Amino acid sequence: MSQFAKYIQTQKGILSFYFNRIYTVNGTKYHVSVRDKKSTHYFMMGDGDEQWHFSDKKLLPAWIVILEGKLEEAINEYLTR
């Protein structure tokens, strides 16, 4: 499992997002976690159409959903190191 962390500016301030790469039968995914002042949020990002996006964003707060592009950039930046 490959993992990394990235500080990202959010509506809640600068928060640290933790990315853990996992391999599934449906391809590579990243399990992402972030903690704001009240709770910890967990979600998956998958590679589809050569872009990283949320596997399921129905239960995510809006302040995370709007970061999808920044989270994709973080993953791509890590993969090109």
N, C-alpha and C. Protein backbone atom coordinates (compact mmCIF):
# COMPACT_ATOMS: atom_id res chain seq x y z
N MET A 1 0.85 -1.17 0.00
CA MET A 1 0.00 0.00 0.00
C MET A 1 0.89 1.23 0.00
N SER A 2 0.63 2.15 -0.89
CA SER A 2 1.37 3.40 -0.97
C SER A 2 0.52 4.50 -0.35
N GLN A 3 1.15 5.33 0.45
CA GLN A 3 0.38 6.38 1.12
C GLN A 3 1.13 7.69 1.12
N PHE A 4 0.37 8.79 1.17
CA PHE A 4 0.95 10.11 1.26
C PHE A 4 -0.08 11.06 1.87
N ALA A 5 0.39 12.21 2.29
CA ALA A 5 -0.50 13.23 2.86
C ALA A 5 -0.28 14.53 2.10
N LYS A 6 -1.32 15.35 2.05
CA LYS A 6 -1.24 16.63 1.34
C LYS A 6 -2.08 17.65 2.09
N TYR A 7 -1.49 18.82 2.37
CA TYR A 7 -2.24 19.93 2.95
C TYR A 7 -2.97 20.64 1.82
N ILE A 8 -4.27 20.88 2.02
CA ILE A 8 -5.09 21.53 1.00
C ILE A 8 -5.94 22.60 1.67
N GLN A 9 -6.01 23.76 1.02
CA GLN A 9 -6.85 24.85 1.51
C GLN A 9 -8.31 24.50 1.25
N THR A 10 -9.13 24.56 2.30
CA THR A 10 -10.56 24.24 2.20
C THR A 10 -11.36 25.39 2.80
N GLN A 11 -12.67 25.29 2.74
CA GLN A 11 -13.53 26.27 3.40
C GLN A 11 -13.38 26.22 4.91
N LYS A 12 -12.84 25.14 5.42
CA LYS A 12 -12.65 24.95 6.86
C LYS A 12 -11.22 25.30 7.29
N GLY A 13 -10.42 25.82 6.38
CA GLY A 13 -9.03 26.14 6.64
C GLY A 13 -8.13 25.15 5.92
N ILE A 14 -6.85 25.20 6.24
CA ILE A 14 -5.89 24.26 5.64
C ILE A 14 -5.96 22.96 6.43
N LEU A 15 -6.30 21.88 5.71
CA LEU A 15 -6.44 20.57 6.34
C LEU A 15 -5.53 19.56 5.66
N SER A 16 -5.14 18.55 6.41
CA SER A 16 -4.30 17.49 5.89
C SER A 16 -5.18 16.33 5.41
N PHE A 17 -5.03 15.98 4.15
CA PHE A 17 -5.74 14.86 3.56
C PHE A 17 -4.75 13.70 3.47
N TYR A 18 -5.18 12.52 3.89
CA TYR A 18 -4.34 11.32 3.87
C TYR A 18 -4.85 10.37 2.80
N PHE A 19 -3.96 9.98 1.90
CA PHE A 19 -4.30 9.14 0.75
C PHE A 19 -3.62 7.78 0.91
N ASN A 20 -4.38 6.71 0.79
CA ASN A 20 -3.87 5.35 0.83
C ASN A 20 -4.28 4.63 -0.44
N ARG A 21 -3.30 4.22 -1.24
CA ARG A 21 -3.59 3.54 -2.50
C ARG A 21 -3.93 2.09 -2.22
N ILE A 22 -5.00 1.61 -2.83
CA ILE A 22 -5.38 0.21 -2.72
C ILE A 22 -5.68 -0.33 -4.11
N TYR A 23 -5.42 -1.59 -4.28
CA TYR A 23 -5.69 -2.25 -5.56
C TYR A 23 -6.91 -3.14 -5.39
N THR A 24 -7.88 -2.97 -6.25
CA THR A 24 -9.11 -3.76 -6.20
C THR A 24 -9.31 -4.46 -7.54
N VAL A 25 -10.28 -5.35 -7.60
CA VAL A 25 -10.59 -6.00 -8.87
C VAL A 25 -11.13 -5.00 -9.89
N ASN A 26 -11.59 -3.85 -9.40
CA ASN A 26 -12.10 -2.79 -10.28
C ASN A 26 -11.05 -1.72 -10.57
N GLY A 27 -9.81 -2.00 -10.26
CA GLY A 27 -8.74 -1.05 -10.54
C GLY A 27 -8.19 -0.39 -9.29
N THR A 28 -7.28 0.53 -9.49
CA THR A 28 -6.64 1.24 -8.39
C THR A 28 -7.58 2.30 -7.84
N LYS A 29 -7.59 2.40 -6.52
CA LYS A 29 -8.41 3.41 -5.85
C LYS A 29 -7.58 4.04 -4.74
N TYR A 30 -8.00 5.19 -4.29
CA TYR A 30 -7.40 5.82 -3.13
C TYR A 30 -8.46 5.98 -2.05
N HIS A 31 -8.12 5.49 -0.85
CA HIS A 31 -8.95 5.72 0.32
C HIS A 31 -8.41 7.01 0.93
N VAL A 32 -9.28 8.01 1.08
CA VAL A 32 -8.85 9.32 1.54
C VAL A 32 -9.54 9.63 2.87
N SER A 33 -8.80 10.23 3.77
CA SER A 33 -9.39 10.66 5.04
C SER A 33 -8.95 12.08 5.34
N VAL A 34 -9.83 12.80 6.00
CA VAL A 34 -9.55 14.18 6.42
C VAL A 34 -10.32 14.44 7.69
N ARG A 35 -9.70 15.17 8.60
CA ARG A 35 -10.35 15.48 9.87
C ARG A 35 -10.51 16.99 9.98
N ASP A 36 -11.77 17.41 10.17
CA ASP A 36 -12.01 18.82 10.49
C ASP A 36 -12.17 18.90 12.01
N LYS A 37 -12.59 20.02 12.52
CA LYS A 37 -12.67 20.18 13.97
C LYS A 37 -13.71 19.28 14.62
N LYS A 38 -14.72 18.87 13.87
CA LYS A 38 -15.82 18.10 14.45
C LYS A 38 -15.77 16.60 14.17
N SER A 39 -15.27 16.21 13.01
CA SER A 39 -15.33 14.79 12.67
C SER A 39 -14.28 14.43 11.62
N THR A 40 -14.14 13.13 11.40
CA THR A 40 -13.26 12.60 10.37
C THR A 40 -14.12 12.09 9.23
N HIS A 41 -13.72 12.42 8.02
CA HIS A 41 -14.45 12.00 6.83
C HIS A 41 -13.58 11.02 6.05
N TYR A 42 -14.21 9.96 5.57
CA TYR A 42 -13.54 8.93 4.78
C TYR A 42 -14.26 8.79 3.46
N PHE A 43 -13.50 8.64 2.38
CA PHE A 43 -14.12 8.43 1.07
C PHE A 43 -13.11 7.79 0.14
N MET A 44 -13.63 7.31 -0.99
CA MET A 44 -12.80 6.65 -1.99
C MET A 44 -12.77 7.50 -3.26
N MET A 45 -11.62 7.47 -3.92
CA MET A 45 -11.49 8.10 -5.23
C MET A 45 -10.98 7.04 -6.19
N GLY A 46 -11.62 6.95 -7.34
CA GLY A 46 -11.24 5.96 -8.34
C GLY A 46 -10.83 6.63 -9.63
N ASP A 47 -10.13 5.88 -10.46
CA ASP A 47 -9.64 6.37 -11.74
C ASP A 47 -10.62 5.95 -12.82
N GLY A 48 -11.23 6.93 -13.44
CA GLY A 48 -12.16 6.64 -14.53
C GLY A 48 -12.01 7.71 -15.60
N ASP A 49 -11.99 7.33 -16.84
CA ASP A 49 -11.80 8.27 -17.94
C ASP A 49 -10.53 9.10 -17.75
N GLU A 50 -9.49 8.45 -17.21
CA GLU A 50 -8.19 9.07 -16.97
C GLU A 50 -8.27 10.27 -16.01
N GLN A 51 -9.28 10.30 -15.15
CA GLN A 51 -9.43 11.32 -14.12
C GLN A 51 -9.78 10.65 -12.81
N TRP A 52 -9.25 11.20 -11.73
CA TRP A 52 -9.59 10.69 -10.41
C TRP A 52 -10.83 11.43 -9.93
N HIS A 53 -11.82 10.67 -9.48
CA HIS A 53 -13.04 11.29 -8.98
C HIS A 53 -13.62 10.45 -7.85
N PHE A 54 -14.58 11.03 -7.13
CA PHE A 54 -15.19 10.35 -6.00
C PHE A 54 -15.92 9.10 -6.47
N SER A 55 -15.73 8.01 -5.74
CA SER A 55 -16.47 6.79 -6.06
C SER A 55 -17.94 6.96 -5.72
N ASP A 56 -18.23 7.66 -4.62
CA ASP A 56 -19.61 7.92 -4.21
C ASP A 56 -19.60 9.19 -3.36
N LYS A 57 -20.19 10.25 -3.88
CA LYS A 57 -20.15 11.51 -3.14
C LYS A 57 -21.48 11.88 -2.48
N LYS A 58 -22.43 10.97 -2.49
CA LYS A 58 -23.75 11.27 -1.93
C LYS A 58 -23.71 11.68 -0.46
N LEU A 59 -22.84 11.06 0.33
CA LEU A 59 -22.82 11.34 1.76
C LEU A 59 -21.74 12.33 2.18
N LEU A 60 -21.01 12.86 1.20
CA LEU A 60 -19.93 13.80 1.53
C LEU A 60 -20.46 15.22 1.72
N PRO A 61 -19.87 15.96 2.65
CA PRO A 61 -20.27 17.35 2.81
C PRO A 61 -19.84 18.17 1.58
N ALA A 62 -20.57 19.23 1.31
CA ALA A 62 -20.31 20.05 0.12
C ALA A 62 -18.89 20.61 0.09
N TRP A 63 -18.32 20.91 1.25
CA TRP A 63 -16.97 21.50 1.26
C TRP A 63 -15.91 20.51 0.78
N ILE A 64 -16.20 19.21 0.85
CA ILE A 64 -15.28 18.22 0.29
C ILE A 64 -15.58 18.01 -1.19
N VAL A 65 -16.83 17.96 -1.57
CA VAL A 65 -17.21 17.72 -2.96
C VAL A 65 -16.58 18.76 -3.89
N ILE A 66 -16.53 20.02 -3.46
CA ILE A 66 -15.98 21.05 -4.34
C ILE A 66 -14.45 20.95 -4.48
N LEU A 67 -13.82 20.08 -3.70
CA LEU A 67 -12.37 19.90 -3.77
C LEU A 67 -11.95 18.78 -4.72
N GLU A 68 -12.88 18.18 -5.41
CA GLU A 68 -12.55 17.02 -6.24
C GLU A 68 -11.37 17.29 -7.17
N GLY A 69 -11.35 18.44 -7.81
CA GLY A 69 -10.25 18.78 -8.72
C GLY A 69 -8.91 18.89 -8.00
N LYS A 70 -8.91 19.51 -6.81
CA LYS A 70 -7.67 19.63 -6.04
C LYS A 70 -7.18 18.28 -5.55
N LEU A 71 -8.11 17.41 -5.18
CA LEU A 71 -7.73 16.07 -4.74
C LEU A 71 -7.15 15.27 -5.90
N GLU A 72 -7.74 15.42 -7.08
CA GLU A 72 -7.21 14.76 -8.27
C GLU A 72 -5.80 15.26 -8.57
N GLU A 73 -5.59 16.57 -8.47
CA GLU A 73 -4.25 17.14 -8.69
C GLU A 73 -3.24 16.55 -7.70
N ALA A 74 -3.64 16.40 -6.44
CA ALA A 74 -2.75 15.84 -5.42
C ALA A 74 -2.33 14.42 -5.79
N ILE A 75 -3.28 13.61 -6.24
CA ILE A 75 -2.95 12.23 -6.62
C ILE A 75 -2.03 12.23 -7.84
N ASN A 76 -2.34 13.02 -8.85
CA ASN A 76 -1.51 13.05 -10.06
C ASN A 76 -0.11 13.57 -9.74
N GLU A 77 -0.01 14.57 -8.86
CA GLU A 77 1.29 15.09 -8.46
C GLU A 77 2.11 13.99 -7.79
N TYR A 78 1.50 13.23 -6.92
CA TYR A 78 2.18 12.14 -6.24
C TYR A 78 2.64 11.07 -7.24
N LEU A 79 1.78 10.74 -8.19
CA LEU A 79 2.10 9.68 -9.15
C LEU A 79 3.20 10.07 -10.12
N THR A 80 3.43 11.36 -10.34
CA THR A 80 4.45 11.80 -11.28
C THR A 80 5.78 12.11 -10.60
N ARG A 81 5.87 11.91 -9.30
CA ARG A 81 7.16 12.12 -8.60
C ARG A 81 8.13 11.04 -8.94
